[in-house]
Amino acid sequence: MSLISKLRSGGRRLLQSHATAPIKKMLWNKEFASGRWDHLQDTAGDCVYSYVERWADGGDILDLGCGSGNTGNELDYSAYRSYLGVDISDVAIEMAIARSAANRRDGKNRYVQSDITTFAPDRAYSVILFRESINYLPVAHIEPLLRRYRPHLGDRGVFIVRLYDRRKYEKILQVIREELSVIEECAPLTEDVSVVVFR
């Protein structure tokens, strides 16, 4: 990666982490509309699905930072009762809605356009999933955000976080390990991915 590419990527990441919600929405809309995230359209077999399905146990899932709906459309249909995906990008939400309708999951899957840092759930969930989305938050904001969502976990509910690069996001893992109760953690030897289940 050239120096210019690294600077652009760093600037983009800084804006997506620290900008106001309207600017973040504009940036994510532009990226989803341009096809930047099209490679996420098929993530069947992702290691996080077995955790989500097991911990959902036929219950309800809240997916914060759902993107264009791959999780809600690739989970085993029988593994959950309802799924709510939240994303700041209305372009991504429109794609997720269309995808769920095409897969006949529109009766089970719902989507809401909102910033995950301000979204207020109106119920409890078996699983609250942050699939890559948590790494777009400043590290200092992660623990307060998780504590804010904690009351929206059901009696046996869990958070599940998936990070695509456990070395790059070690600080996030450190916050989770130090501030919350980790139930299980998986880091496949063949990948840099990390999945953490915690309360």
C-alpha atoms as a PDB file:
ATOM      1  CA  MET A   1       0.000   0.000   0.000  1.00  0.00           C
ATOM      2  CA  SER A   2       1.437   3.379  -1.011  1.00  0.00           C
ATOM      3  CA  LEU A   3       1.843   6.265   1.426  1.00  0.00           C
ATOM      4  CA  ILE A   4      -1.000   8.177  -0.253  1.00  0.00           C
ATOM      5  CA  SER A   5      -3.320   5.158   0.052  1.00  0.00           C
ATOM      6  CA  LYS A   6      -2.387   4.795   3.736  1.00  0.00           C
ATOM      7  CA  LEU A   7      -3.078   8.484   4.376  1.00  0.00           C
ATOM      8  CA  ARG A   8      -6.452   8.288   2.608  1.00  0.00           C
ATOM      9  CA  SER A   9      -7.386   5.159   4.539  1.00  0.00           C
ATOM     10  CA  GLY A  10      -6.320   6.756   7.830  1.00  0.00           C
ATOM     11  CA  GLY A  11      -8.298   9.926   7.083  1.00  0.00           C
ATOM     12  CA  ARG A  12     -11.377   7.907   6.128  1.00  0.00           C
ATOM     13  CA  ARG A  13     -11.114   5.849   9.301  1.00  0.00           C
ATOM     14  CA  LEU A  14     -10.687   8.981  11.425  1.00  0.00           C
ATOM     15  CA  LEU A  15     -13.829  10.531   9.925  1.00  0.00           C
ATOM     16  CA  GLN A  16     -15.839   7.331  10.302  1.00  0.00           C
ATOM     17  CA  SER A  17     -14.807   7.126  13.959  1.00  0.00           C
ATOM     18  CA  HIS A  18     -15.018  10.763  15.062  1.00  0.00           C
ATOM     19  CA  ALA A  19     -17.241  12.703  12.649  1.00  0.00           C
ATOM     20  CA  THR A  20     -20.814  13.758  13.365  1.00  0.00           C
ATOM     21  CA  ALA A  21     -23.593  11.302  12.525  1.00  0.00           C
ATOM     22  CA  PRO A  22     -24.654  13.165   9.338  1.00  0.00           C
ATOM     23  CA  ILE A  23     -21.089  13.080   7.991  1.00  0.00           C
ATOM     24  CA  LYS A  24     -20.705   9.400   8.893  1.00  0.00           C
ATOM     25  CA  LYS A  25     -23.994   8.644   7.174  1.00  0.00           C
ATOM     26  CA  MET A  26     -22.882  10.489   4.038  1.00  0.00           C
ATOM     27  CA  LEU A  27     -19.529   8.634   3.965  1.00  0.00           C
ATOM     28  CA  TRP A  28     -21.072   5.191   4.486  1.00  0.00           C
ATOM     29  CA  ASN A  29     -23.830   5.898   1.936  1.00  0.00           C
ATOM     30  CA  LYS A  30     -21.207   6.859  -0.635  1.00  0.00           C
ATOM     31  CA  GLU A  31     -19.204   3.689   0.049  1.00  0.00           C
ATOM     32  CA  PHE A  32     -22.195   1.339  -0.127  1.00  0.00           C
ATOM     33  CA  ALA A  33     -23.535   3.057  -3.271  1.00  0.00           C
ATOM     34  CA  SER A  34     -20.133   2.859  -4.992  1.00  0.00           C
ATOM     35  CA  GLY A  35     -19.825  -0.885  -4.374  1.00  0.00           C
ATOM     36  CA  ARG A  36     -16.903  -0.618  -1.944  1.00  0.00           C
ATOM     37  CA  TRP A  37     -18.558  -3.192   0.349  1.00  0.00           C
ATOM     38  CA  ASP A  38     -19.952  -5.541  -2.326  1.00  0.00           C
ATOM     39  CA  HIS A  39     -17.445  -8.205  -1.263  1.00  0.00           C
ATOM     40  CA  LEU A  40     -19.508  -8.570   1.930  1.00  0.00           C
ATOM     41  CA  GLN A  41     -22.537  -9.784  -0.008  1.00  0.00           C
ATOM     42  CA  ASP A  42     -21.505 -13.404   0.479  1.00  0.00           C
ATOM     43  CA  THR A  43     -20.036 -14.314   3.844  1.00  0.00           C
ATOM     44  CA  ALA A  44     -21.762 -17.668   4.219  1.00  0.00           C
ATOM     45  CA  GLY A  45     -19.734 -19.925   6.455  1.00  0.00           C
ATOM     46  CA  ASP A  46     -18.293 -17.068   8.508  1.00  0.00           C
ATOM     47  CA  CYS A  47     -17.077 -18.363  11.867  1.00  0.00           C
ATOM     48  CA  VAL A  48     -19.296 -15.901  13.778  1.00  0.00           C
ATOM     49  CA  TYR A  49     -22.525 -17.561  12.589  1.00  0.00           C
ATOM     50  CA  SER A  50     -22.154 -20.676  14.746  1.00  0.00           C
ATOM     51  CA  TYR A  51     -21.831 -18.463  17.837  1.00  0.00           C
ATOM     52  CA  VAL A  52     -24.786 -16.266  16.927  1.00  0.00           C
ATOM     53  CA  GLU A  53     -26.995 -19.271  16.137  1.00  0.00           C
ATOM     54  CA  ARG A  54     -26.053 -21.136  19.317  1.00  0.00           C
ATOM     55  CA  TRP A  55     -26.489 -18.160  21.645  1.00  0.00           C
ATOM     56  CA  ALA A  56     -29.658 -16.899  19.918  1.00  0.00           C
ATOM     57  CA  ASP A  57     -31.170 -20.304  20.663  1.00  0.00           C
ATOM     58  CA  GLY A  58     -34.347 -19.519  18.741  1.00  0.00           C
ATOM     59  CA  GLY A  59     -34.599 -16.023  20.236  1.00  0.00           C
ATOM     60  CA  ASP A  60     -34.110 -12.461  19.067  1.00  0.00           C
ATOM     61  CA  ILE A  61     -31.010 -10.849  17.534  1.00  0.00           C
ATOM     62  CA  LEU A  62     -29.974  -7.189  17.402  1.00  0.00           C
ATOM     63  CA  ASP A  63     -27.212  -6.591  14.826  1.00  0.00           C
ATOM     64  CA  LEU A  64     -25.538  -3.200  15.318  1.00  0.00           C
ATOM     65  CA  GLY A  65     -23.794  -2.129  12.136  1.00  0.00           C
ATOM     66  CA  CYS A  66     -25.605  -4.664   9.961  1.00  0.00           C
ATOM     67  CA  GLY A  67     -24.460  -3.245   6.619  1.00  0.00           C
ATOM     68  CA  SER A  68     -26.328  -4.621   3.630  1.00  0.00           C
ATOM     69  CA  GLY A  69     -27.872  -7.516   5.536  1.00  0.00           C
ATOM     70  CA  ASN A  70     -25.547 -10.463   5.100  1.00  0.00           C
ATOM     71  CA  THR A  71     -25.897 -11.702   8.701  1.00  0.00           C
ATOM     72  CA  GLY A  72     -29.695 -11.572   8.709  1.00  0.00           C
ATOM     73  CA  ASN A  73     -29.806 -13.406   5.400  1.00  0.00           C
ATOM     74  CA  GLU A  74     -27.087 -15.991   5.958  1.00  0.00           C
ATOM     75  CA  LEU A  75     -27.925 -17.255   9.455  1.00  0.00           C
ATOM     76  CA  ASP A  76     -29.808 -20.529   9.647  1.00  0.00           C
ATOM     77  CA  TYR A  77     -33.445 -19.466   9.313  1.00  0.00           C
ATOM     78  CA  SER A  78     -34.543 -21.713  12.189  1.00  0.00           C
ATOM     79  CA  ALA A  79     -31.879 -20.402  14.609  1.00  0.00           C
ATOM     80  CA  TYR A  80     -33.728 -17.202  15.508  1.00  0.00           C
ATOM     81  CA  ARG A  81     -37.221 -15.816  16.031  1.00  0.00           C
ATOM     82  CA  SER A  82     -36.575 -12.222  14.964  1.00  0.00           C
ATOM     83  CA  TYR A  83     -33.691 -10.153  13.702  1.00  0.00           C
ATOM     84  CA  LEU A  84     -33.264  -6.370  13.830  1.00  0.00           C
ATOM     85  CA  GLY A  85     -30.400  -4.853  11.854  1.00  0.00           C
ATOM     86  CA  VAL A  86     -29.290  -1.279  12.509  1.00  0.00           C
ATOM     87  CA  ASP A  87     -26.939   0.718  10.307  1.00  0.00           C
ATOM     88  CA  ILE A  88     -26.146   4.387   9.822  1.00  0.00           C
ATOM     89  CA  SER A  89     -26.297   4.020   6.027  1.00  0.00           C
ATOM     90  CA  ASP A  90     -29.777   4.173   4.528  1.00  0.00           C
ATOM     91  CA  VAL A  91     -28.255   2.849   1.272  1.00  0.00           C
ATOM     92  CA  ALA A  92     -27.111  -0.273   3.152  1.00  0.00           C
ATOM     93  CA  ILE A  93     -30.496  -0.568   4.882  1.00  0.00           C
ATOM     94  CA  GLU A  94     -32.328  -0.433   1.533  1.00  0.00           C
ATOM     95  CA  MET A  95     -30.057  -3.200   0.232  1.00  0.00           C
ATOM     96  CA  ALA A  96     -30.692  -5.297   3.367  1.00  0.00           C
ATOM     97  CA  ILE A  97     -34.470  -4.871   3.073  1.00  0.00           C
ATOM     98  CA  ALA A  98     -34.404  -5.886  -0.603  1.00  0.00           C
ATOM     99  CA  ARG A  99     -32.196  -8.865   0.159  1.00  0.00           C
ATOM    100  CA  SER A 100     -34.480 -10.070   2.963  1.00  0.00           C
ATOM    101  CA  ALA A 101     -37.530  -9.725   0.721  1.00  0.00           C
ATOM    102  CA  ALA A 102     -35.801 -11.714  -2.036  1.00  0.00           C
ATOM    103  CA  ASN A 103     -34.909 -14.426   0.500  1.00  0.00           C
ATOM    104  CA  ARG A 104     -38.422 -14.430   1.976  1.00  0.00           C
ATOM    105  CA  ARG A 105     -37.117 -13.334   5.361  1.00  0.00           C
ATOM    106  CA  ASP A 106     -38.948 -10.016   5.400  1.00  0.00           C
ATOM    107  CA  GLY A 107     -41.470 -11.388   7.917  1.00  0.00           C
ATOM    108  CA  LYS A 108     -38.651 -12.189  10.327  1.00  0.00           C
ATOM    109  CA  ASN A 109     -36.003  -9.559   9.552  1.00  0.00           C
ATOM    110  CA  ARG A 110     -36.418  -5.833  10.142  1.00  0.00           C
ATOM    111  CA  TYR A 111     -33.968  -3.013   9.510  1.00  0.00           C
ATOM    112  CA  VAL A 112     -33.616   0.488  10.945  1.00  0.00           C
ATOM    113  CA  GLN A 113     -31.408   3.345   9.811  1.00  0.00           C
ATOM    114  CA  SER A 114     -29.712   4.799  12.893  1.00  0.00           C
ATOM    115  CA  ASP A 115     -26.318   5.557  14.390  1.00  0.00           C
ATOM    116  CA  ILE A 116     -25.426   2.647  16.677  1.00  0.00           C
ATOM    117  CA  THR A 117     -24.047   5.092  19.253  1.00  0.00           C
ATOM    118  CA  THR A 118     -27.504   6.627  19.783  1.00  0.00           C
ATOM    119  CA  PHE A 119     -29.940   3.861  18.805  1.00  0.00           C
ATOM    120  CA  ALA A 120     -32.329   2.980  21.652  1.00  0.00           C
ATOM    121  CA  PRO A 121     -33.752  -0.574  21.571  1.00  0.00           C
ATOM    122  CA  ASP A 122     -37.266  -1.026  22.901  1.00  0.00           C
ATOM    123  CA  ARG A 123     -36.844  -4.642  24.018  1.00  0.00           C
ATOM    124  CA  ALA A 124     -34.366  -7.288  25.191  1.00  0.00           C
ATOM    125  CA  TYR A 125     -32.407  -9.592  22.891  1.00  0.00           C
ATOM    126  CA  SER A 126     -30.755 -12.996  23.137  1.00  0.00           C
ATOM    127  CA  VAL A 127     -27.783 -11.709  21.119  1.00  0.00           C
ATOM    128  CA  ILE A 128     -26.504  -8.205  20.493  1.00  0.00           C
ATOM    129  CA  LEU A 129     -23.986  -8.496  17.671  1.00  0.00           C
ATOM    130  CA  PHE A 130     -21.218  -6.105  16.690  1.00  0.00           C
ATOM    131  CA  ARG A 131     -19.798  -7.653  13.561  1.00  0.00           C
ATOM    132  CA  GLU A 132     -16.827  -5.435  12.662  1.00  0.00           C
ATOM    133  CA  SER A 133     -18.820  -2.283  13.531  1.00  0.00           C
ATOM    134  CA  ILE A 134     -17.245  -1.858  16.962  1.00  0.00           C
ATOM    135  CA  ASN A 135     -13.847  -1.226  15.413  1.00  0.00           C
ATOM    136  CA  TYR A 136     -15.157   2.048  13.955  1.00  0.00           C
ATOM    137  CA  LEU A 137     -15.664   3.464  17.444  1.00  0.00           C
ATOM    138  CA  PRO A 138     -12.997   5.295  19.447  1.00  0.00           C
ATOM    139  CA  VAL A 139     -11.678   2.829  22.042  1.00  0.00           C
ATOM    140  CA  ALA A 140     -12.675   5.170  24.896  1.00  0.00           C
ATOM    141  CA  HIS A 141     -16.334   4.972  23.746  1.00  0.00           C
ATOM    142  CA  ILE A 142     -16.596   1.177  23.613  1.00  0.00           C
ATOM    143  CA  GLU A 143     -17.066   0.339  27.286  1.00  0.00           C
ATOM    144  CA  PRO A 144     -19.731   3.054  27.878  1.00  0.00           C
ATOM    145  CA  LEU A 145     -21.577   1.947  24.729  1.00  0.00           C
ATOM    146  CA  LEU A 146     -21.609  -1.689  25.820  1.00  0.00           C
ATOM    147  CA  ARG A 147     -22.833  -0.682  29.283  1.00  0.00           C
ATOM    148  CA  ARG A 148     -25.620   1.363  27.645  1.00  0.00           C
ATOM    149  CA  TYR A 149     -26.759  -1.678  25.649  1.00  0.00           C
ATOM    150  CA  ARG A 150     -26.375  -4.110  28.574  1.00  0.00           C
ATOM    151  CA  PRO A 151     -29.957  -3.595  29.897  1.00  0.00           C
ATOM    152  CA  HIS A 152     -31.219  -4.755  26.481  1.00  0.00           C
ATOM    153  CA  LEU A 153     -29.793  -8.260  26.880  1.00  0.00           C
ATOM    154  CA  GLY A 154     -32.281 -10.916  27.936  1.00  0.00           C
ATOM    155  CA  ASP A 155     -31.725 -13.035  31.054  1.00  0.00           C
ATOM    156  CA  ARG A 156     -29.242 -15.287  29.271  1.00  0.00           C
ATOM    157  CA  GLY A 157     -28.393 -12.742  26.583  1.00  0.00           C
ATOM    158  CA  VAL A 158     -24.874 -12.075  25.323  1.00  0.00           C
ATOM    159  CA  PHE A 159     -22.873  -9.626  23.288  1.00  0.00           C
ATOM    160  CA  ILE A 160     -20.934 -11.106  20.401  1.00  0.00           C
ATOM    161  CA  VAL A 161     -18.113  -9.153  18.772  1.00  0.00           C
ATOM    162  CA  ARG A 162     -16.320 -10.245  15.623  1.00  0.00           C
ATOM    163  CA  LEU A 163     -13.050  -8.549  14.664  1.00  0.00           C
ATOM    164  CA  TYR A 164     -11.358  -9.332  11.369  1.00  0.00           C
ATOM    165  CA  ASP A 165      -7.866  -8.543  12.727  1.00  0.00           C
ATOM    166  CA  ARG A 166      -7.322  -9.400  16.389  1.00  0.00           C
ATOM    167  CA  ARG A 167      -3.809  -7.939  16.415  1.00  0.00           C
ATOM    168  CA  LYS A 168      -4.875  -4.612  14.955  1.00  0.00           C
ATOM    169  CA  TYR A 169      -7.792  -4.333  17.399  1.00  0.00           C
ATOM    170  CA  GLU A 170      -6.125  -5.766  20.495  1.00  0.00           C
ATOM    171  CA  LYS A 171      -7.099  -2.622  22.455  1.00  0.00           C
ATOM    172  CA  ILE A 172     -10.782  -3.397  21.853  1.00  0.00           C
ATOM    173  CA  LEU A 173     -10.277  -6.958  23.063  1.00  0.00           C
ATOM    174  CA  GLN A 174      -8.453  -5.609  26.102  1.00  0.00           C
ATOM    175  CA  VAL A 175     -11.400  -3.342  27.015  1.00  0.00           C
ATOM    176  CA  ILE A 176     -13.815  -6.261  26.708  1.00  0.00           C
ATOM    177  CA  ARG A 177     -11.622  -8.605  28.759  1.00  0.00           C
ATOM    178  CA  GLU A 178     -11.002  -6.046  31.526  1.00  0.00           C
ATOM    179  CA  GLU A 179     -14.425  -4.436  31.804  1.00  0.00           C
ATOM    180  CA  LEU A 180     -16.891  -7.230  31.027  1.00  0.00           C
ATOM    181  CA  SER A 181     -17.396 -10.914  31.676  1.00  0.00           C
ATOM    182  CA  VAL A 182     -16.014 -12.990  28.782  1.00  0.00           C
ATOM    183  CA  ILE A 183     -17.812 -16.320  28.327  1.00  0.00           C
ATOM    184  CA  GLU A 184     -15.843 -17.597  25.362  1.00  0.00           C
ATOM    185  CA  GLU A 185     -13.288 -16.352  22.902  1.00  0.00           C
ATOM    186  CA  CYS A 186     -12.257 -17.902  19.621  1.00  0.00           C
ATOM    187  CA  ALA A 187      -9.246 -17.012  17.520  1.00  0.00           C
ATOM    188  CA  PRO A 188      -8.782 -19.586  14.732  1.00  0.00           C
ATOM    189  CA  LEU A 189      -5.130 -20.398  14.112  1.00  0.00           C
ATOM    190  CA  THR A 190      -5.588 -20.095  10.356  1.00  0.00           C
ATOM    191  CA  GLU A 191      -7.099 -16.588  10.451  1.00  0.00           C
ATOM    192  CA  ASP A 192      -6.612 -13.246  12.183  1.00  0.00           C
ATOM    193  CA  VAL A 193     -10.310 -13.211  13.108  1.00  0.00           C
ATOM    194  CA  SER A 194     -11.435 -13.068  16.718  1.00  0.00           C
ATOM    195  CA  VAL A 195     -14.924 -13.771  18.086  1.00  0.00           C
ATOM    196  CA  VAL A 196     -15.716 -12.851  21.684  1.00  0.00           C
ATOM    197  CA  VAL A 197     -18.905 -13.749  23.572  1.00  0.00           C
ATOM    198  CA  PHE A 198     -19.472 -11.788  26.774  1.00  0.00           C
ATOM    199  CA  ARG A 199     -21.950 -10.113  29.129  1.00  0.00           C
END
